Every structure is written in C-alpha cells, then in structure tokens.
Protein backbone atom coordinates (compact mmCIF):
# COMPACT_ATOMS: atom_id res chain seq x y z
CA MET A 1 65.25 109.05 -92.66
CA MET A 2 65.53 109.63 -96.33
CA LEU A 3 68.78 107.57 -96.38
CA ARG A 4 67.44 104.81 -94.89
CA LEU A 5 65.00 104.79 -97.54
CA ILE A 6 67.76 105.30 -100.27
CA ALA A 7 69.79 102.29 -98.83
CA THR A 8 67.01 100.13 -98.72
CA SER A 9 65.98 100.70 -102.37
CA ALA A 10 69.89 99.80 -103.02
CA LEU A 11 69.71 96.57 -101.23
CA ILE A 12 66.50 95.65 -103.25
CA ALA A 13 68.10 96.40 -106.50
CA SER A 14 71.27 94.16 -105.81
CA PRO A 15 73.36 92.73 -108.70
CA ALA A 16 72.01 89.47 -107.89
CA VAL A 17 68.41 90.36 -108.55
CA ALA A 18 69.74 91.52 -111.94
CA ALA A 19 72.11 88.66 -112.32
CA VAL A 20 69.08 86.50 -112.41
CA GLU A 21 67.35 88.32 -115.82
CA GLY A 22 70.79 87.44 -117.62
CA LYS A 23 71.45 91.66 -118.31
CA PRO A 24 74.98 93.28 -116.32
CA PHE A 25 73.94 94.73 -113.54
CA PHE A 26 75.12 98.86 -114.28
CA SER A 27 73.64 99.23 -117.92
CA LEU A 28 71.29 101.11 -119.11
CA TYR A 29 68.69 98.27 -120.39
CA ASN A 30 68.47 97.09 -116.75
CA SER A 31 64.89 99.07 -116.01
CA ASP A 32 65.64 98.39 -111.95
CA ILE A 33 69.14 100.62 -112.37
CA VAL A 34 66.92 103.46 -114.25
CA VAL A 35 64.28 103.44 -111.97
CA LEU A 36 66.96 103.57 -109.14
CA LEU A 37 68.65 106.36 -110.81
CA GLY A 38 65.46 108.31 -111.40
CA PHE A 39 64.44 107.60 -107.50
CA LEU A 40 67.67 108.76 -106.40
CA VAL A 41 67.55 111.98 -108.20
CA PHE A 42 63.94 112.76 -107.36
CA VAL A 43 65.07 112.29 -103.89
CA GLY A 44 68.15 114.50 -104.41
CA VAL A 45 65.75 117.05 -105.87
CA LEU A 46 63.65 116.94 -102.89
CA VAL A 47 66.40 116.95 -100.26
CA TYR A 48 67.65 120.18 -102.69
CA PHE A 49 64.82 122.12 -102.43
CA LYS A 50 64.07 121.23 -98.89
CA VAL A 51 60.49 119.62 -99.85
CA PRO A 52 60.44 117.35 -96.74
CA GLY A 53 61.22 120.35 -94.33
CA LYS A 54 58.54 122.20 -95.90
CA ILE A 55 55.77 119.65 -96.00
CA ALA A 56 56.95 119.15 -91.97
CA GLY A 57 56.15 122.71 -91.90
CA LEU A 58 53.12 122.77 -93.70
CA LEU A 59 51.89 119.38 -91.38
CA ASP A 60 53.06 121.09 -88.49
CA ALA A 61 50.87 124.34 -89.37
CA ARG A 62 47.87 121.86 -89.82
CA ALA A 63 48.52 120.25 -86.81
CA VAL A 64 48.74 123.52 -84.91
CA THR A 65 45.76 124.91 -86.94
CA ILE A 66 43.80 121.55 -86.13
CA ARG A 67 44.50 121.84 -82.34
CA SER A 68 43.55 125.51 -82.23
CA GLU A 69 40.24 124.53 -83.62
CA LEU A 70 39.86 121.27 -81.64
CA ASP A 71 40.15 124.09 -78.33
CA GLU A 72 37.89 126.27 -80.11
CA ALA A 73 35.59 123.37 -80.22
CA ARG A 74 36.07 122.41 -76.59
CA ARG A 75 35.46 125.82 -75.66
CA LEU A 76 32.13 126.03 -77.63
CA ARG A 77 31.20 122.71 -76.21
CA GLU A 78 31.68 124.11 -72.44
CA GLU A 79 29.85 127.57 -73.21
CA ALA A 80 26.77 125.56 -74.77
CA LEU A 81 27.14 123.13 -71.84
CA GLU A 82 26.73 126.14 -69.80
CA LEU A 83 24.19 127.76 -71.87
CA ASN A 84 21.92 124.62 -71.67
CA ALA A 85 22.36 124.29 -68.06
CA SER A 86 21.26 128.01 -67.36
CA PHE A 87 18.52 127.58 -69.77
CA GLU A 88 17.31 124.54 -67.47
CA ARG A 89 17.71 126.69 -64.27
CA LYS A 90 15.31 129.24 -65.89
CA GLN A 91 13.10 127.35 -67.03
CA ALA A 92 13.00 125.42 -63.66
CA GLU A 93 12.52 129.36 -62.26
CA VAL A 94 9.71 129.95 -64.26
CA LYS A 95 8.09 127.07 -63.79
CA ASN A 96 8.26 127.44 -60.01
CA GLU A 97 7.23 131.29 -60.72
CA ALA A 98 4.19 130.04 -62.73
CA THR A 99 3.37 127.52 -59.91
CA ARG A 100 3.54 130.35 -57.20
CA ILE A 101 1.20 132.46 -59.45
CA VAL A 102 -1.42 130.07 -60.13
CA GLU A 103 -1.38 129.34 -56.17
CA LYS A 104 -2.11 132.64 -55.25
CA ALA A 105 -4.40 133.31 -58.35
CA LYS A 106 -6.46 130.24 -56.63
CA ALA A 107 -5.79 131.27 -53.14
CA ASP A 108 -6.81 135.04 -54.89
CA ALA A 109 -9.88 133.63 -56.36
CA GLN A 110 -10.99 131.43 -52.99
CA LEU A 111 -10.58 134.72 -51.18
CA VAL A 112 -13.09 137.02 -53.46
CA ALA A 113 -15.29 133.62 -53.51
CA GLU A 114 -15.44 133.90 -49.45
CA GLN A 115 -15.56 138.05 -49.41
CA THR A 116 -18.25 137.99 -52.18
CA LYS A 117 -20.16 135.23 -50.15
CA ALA A 118 -19.81 137.39 -46.69
CA GLU A 119 -21.15 140.56 -48.69
CA ILE A 120 -24.12 138.32 -50.45
CA GLU A 121 -25.18 137.31 -46.64
CA ALA A 122 -24.62 140.63 -45.46
CA SER A 123 -26.75 142.10 -48.20
CA ILE A 124 -29.38 139.50 -47.37
CA ALA A 125 -29.52 140.15 -43.80
CA ARG A 126 -29.97 143.67 -44.48
CA ARG A 127 -32.95 143.01 -47.18
CA LEU A 128 -34.11 140.46 -44.80
CA LYS A 129 -34.03 143.46 -41.63
CA ALA A 130 -35.65 145.94 -44.09
CA ALA A 131 -38.52 144.11 -44.90
CA GLU A 132 -39.03 142.75 -41.48
CA ASP A 133 -39.02 146.45 -40.04
CA GLN A 134 -41.07 147.30 -42.97
CA ILE A 135 -43.74 144.23 -42.16
CA SER A 136 -43.14 145.94 -38.14
CA SER A 137 -44.14 149.50 -39.61
CA ALA A 138 -47.32 148.00 -41.61
CA GLU A 139 -48.70 146.37 -38.46
CA ALA A 140 -48.29 149.18 -36.48
CA ASN A 141 -49.63 151.40 -38.62
CA ALA A 142 -52.58 148.98 -39.50
CA LEU A 143 -52.96 148.82 -35.36
CA ARG A 144 -52.96 152.57 -35.62
CA ASP A 145 -55.30 152.47 -38.27
CA VAL A 146 -57.99 149.75 -36.33
CA ARG A 147 -57.61 151.93 -33.37
CA ASN A 148 -58.32 154.97 -34.81
CA THR A 149 -61.01 153.49 -36.65
CA ALA A 150 -62.42 152.03 -33.30
CA VAL A 151 -62.15 155.06 -31.76
CA SER A 152 -63.43 156.89 -34.31
CA VAL A 153 -66.80 154.44 -34.46
CA ALA A 154 -67.11 154.26 -30.70
CA ILE A 155 -67.27 158.18 -30.53
CA ALA A 156 -69.70 158.24 -32.91
CA ALA A 157 -71.50 155.55 -31.05
CA ALA A 158 -71.53 157.12 -28.10
CA GLY A 159 -72.48 160.32 -29.67
CA ASP A 160 -75.67 158.73 -31.00
CA VAL A 161 -76.64 157.18 -27.85
CA LEU A 162 -75.57 160.29 -25.61
CA ALA A 163 -77.66 162.44 -28.35
CA LYS A 164 -80.58 160.27 -28.18
CA GLN A 165 -80.81 160.29 -24.36
CA MET A 166 -79.82 163.52 -23.65
CA ASP A 167 -82.51 166.65 -24.26
CA GLU A 168 -81.85 169.90 -25.48
CA ALA A 169 -81.53 171.08 -21.53
CA GLN A 170 -78.70 168.86 -20.86
CA SER A 171 -77.14 169.83 -24.18
CA ASP A 172 -76.88 173.59 -23.19
CA ALA A 173 -75.78 172.67 -19.76
CA LEU A 174 -73.04 170.89 -20.62
CA PHE A 175 -71.81 172.87 -23.13
CA GLN A 176 -72.04 175.97 -20.62
CA ARG A 177 -69.71 174.11 -18.32
CA ALA A 178 -67.26 172.49 -21.14
CA LEU A 179 -67.38 176.76 -22.08
CA SER A 180 -66.59 178.00 -18.64
CA THR A 181 -63.98 175.05 -18.17
CA ALA A 182 -61.84 176.20 -21.58
CA GLN A 183 -62.16 180.13 -20.20
CA ASP A 184 -60.39 178.92 -17.05
CA HIS A 185 -57.93 177.50 -18.62
CA LEU A 186 -57.06 179.86 -21.56
CA HIS A 187 -57.09 182.79 -18.75
C-alpha cells in the first residue's frame, strides 16, 4: 500500500508538469521535487521504524478493546432486560398478592359482620327472654299476692261473720273439738 502511494506521487510530479513551469525537472529549485523527496524520506523513515505495523497494532488493540466493550455493553443490556423482566414479574406477583389480601380482608370483614350481627341478635333474644321471664315472675308474684290478700281478707271477713254469729258456748265447743283432733293426730 505504501509503495502504491509512492508510485502515485511520482506520477503526479512528472517531468511534463515541471517543464510547464520552465525550469528543469531535476533541480532543487523545483518545489515539486523537493516536496517529493521530503515525502519519500518521511515515508522511508516511517517504514524503517515500522510505524505502519505499530499503528496497525494499536488500531487492532483498539478494535479489540472496542469489541470487548461492545460485548460488555450487550451483556449488561441483557442483564438489565432480565432484571427489568424480573421486576415486572415481582410487581405482578405483589399486585396479585395485594389483591388476594384485600379480598381476604373483605371476606373476613363480612364474616365478622355476620358473626357480630348473629351475636347481637342472640343477645337481644336473651334479653327479651329475660325480660319476659321477669314479667312472668312479676305477674305470678302479683297474682300470688292478690290471692293471699284475697284469702286474708276472706278469712278475716269469715272470722268477723263467724264471730258475730257465734256465741261463747259454741266457740268453746268448737275449740275443744279442734283440740281433741289435734291431740289425736299428734299421738
């Protein structure tokens, strides 16, 4: 490649070009020749010190570095995509779990509400039963008190009637008969 460049430069700086200016071609006064010679010396120095090989080596090393950086970037991109997919799966799982928790909480709240309602109804029924029992007991006590009072009044009235109708002899006879009946039952 370097030789092609030198050959191309030599063709461009041909004697026909130098002759147009009116100066001899192989003269140090011809700037084209001086430039050509300087360029050839420069290219020769580069080739002698193996600069093109070093440049090619540096470029190859840079290409390897770039290739490894691209591979690393691809690997990091794939990891990022995997992480993103993993986070999306976890987010969906968390969302589903949250939905399940909310549904369970609603079901539990409904169950507690139903249990509380049943307990309240049972409590009301017990209180009503207790109130009915108290009312029944109060009625029975009232009836008993009324009967007892009626009996007491009737006995008192009968006693008053008997006391007014009975004389002392009848009273003694009645007392003696009750006494003998009581003695008979006791012995």
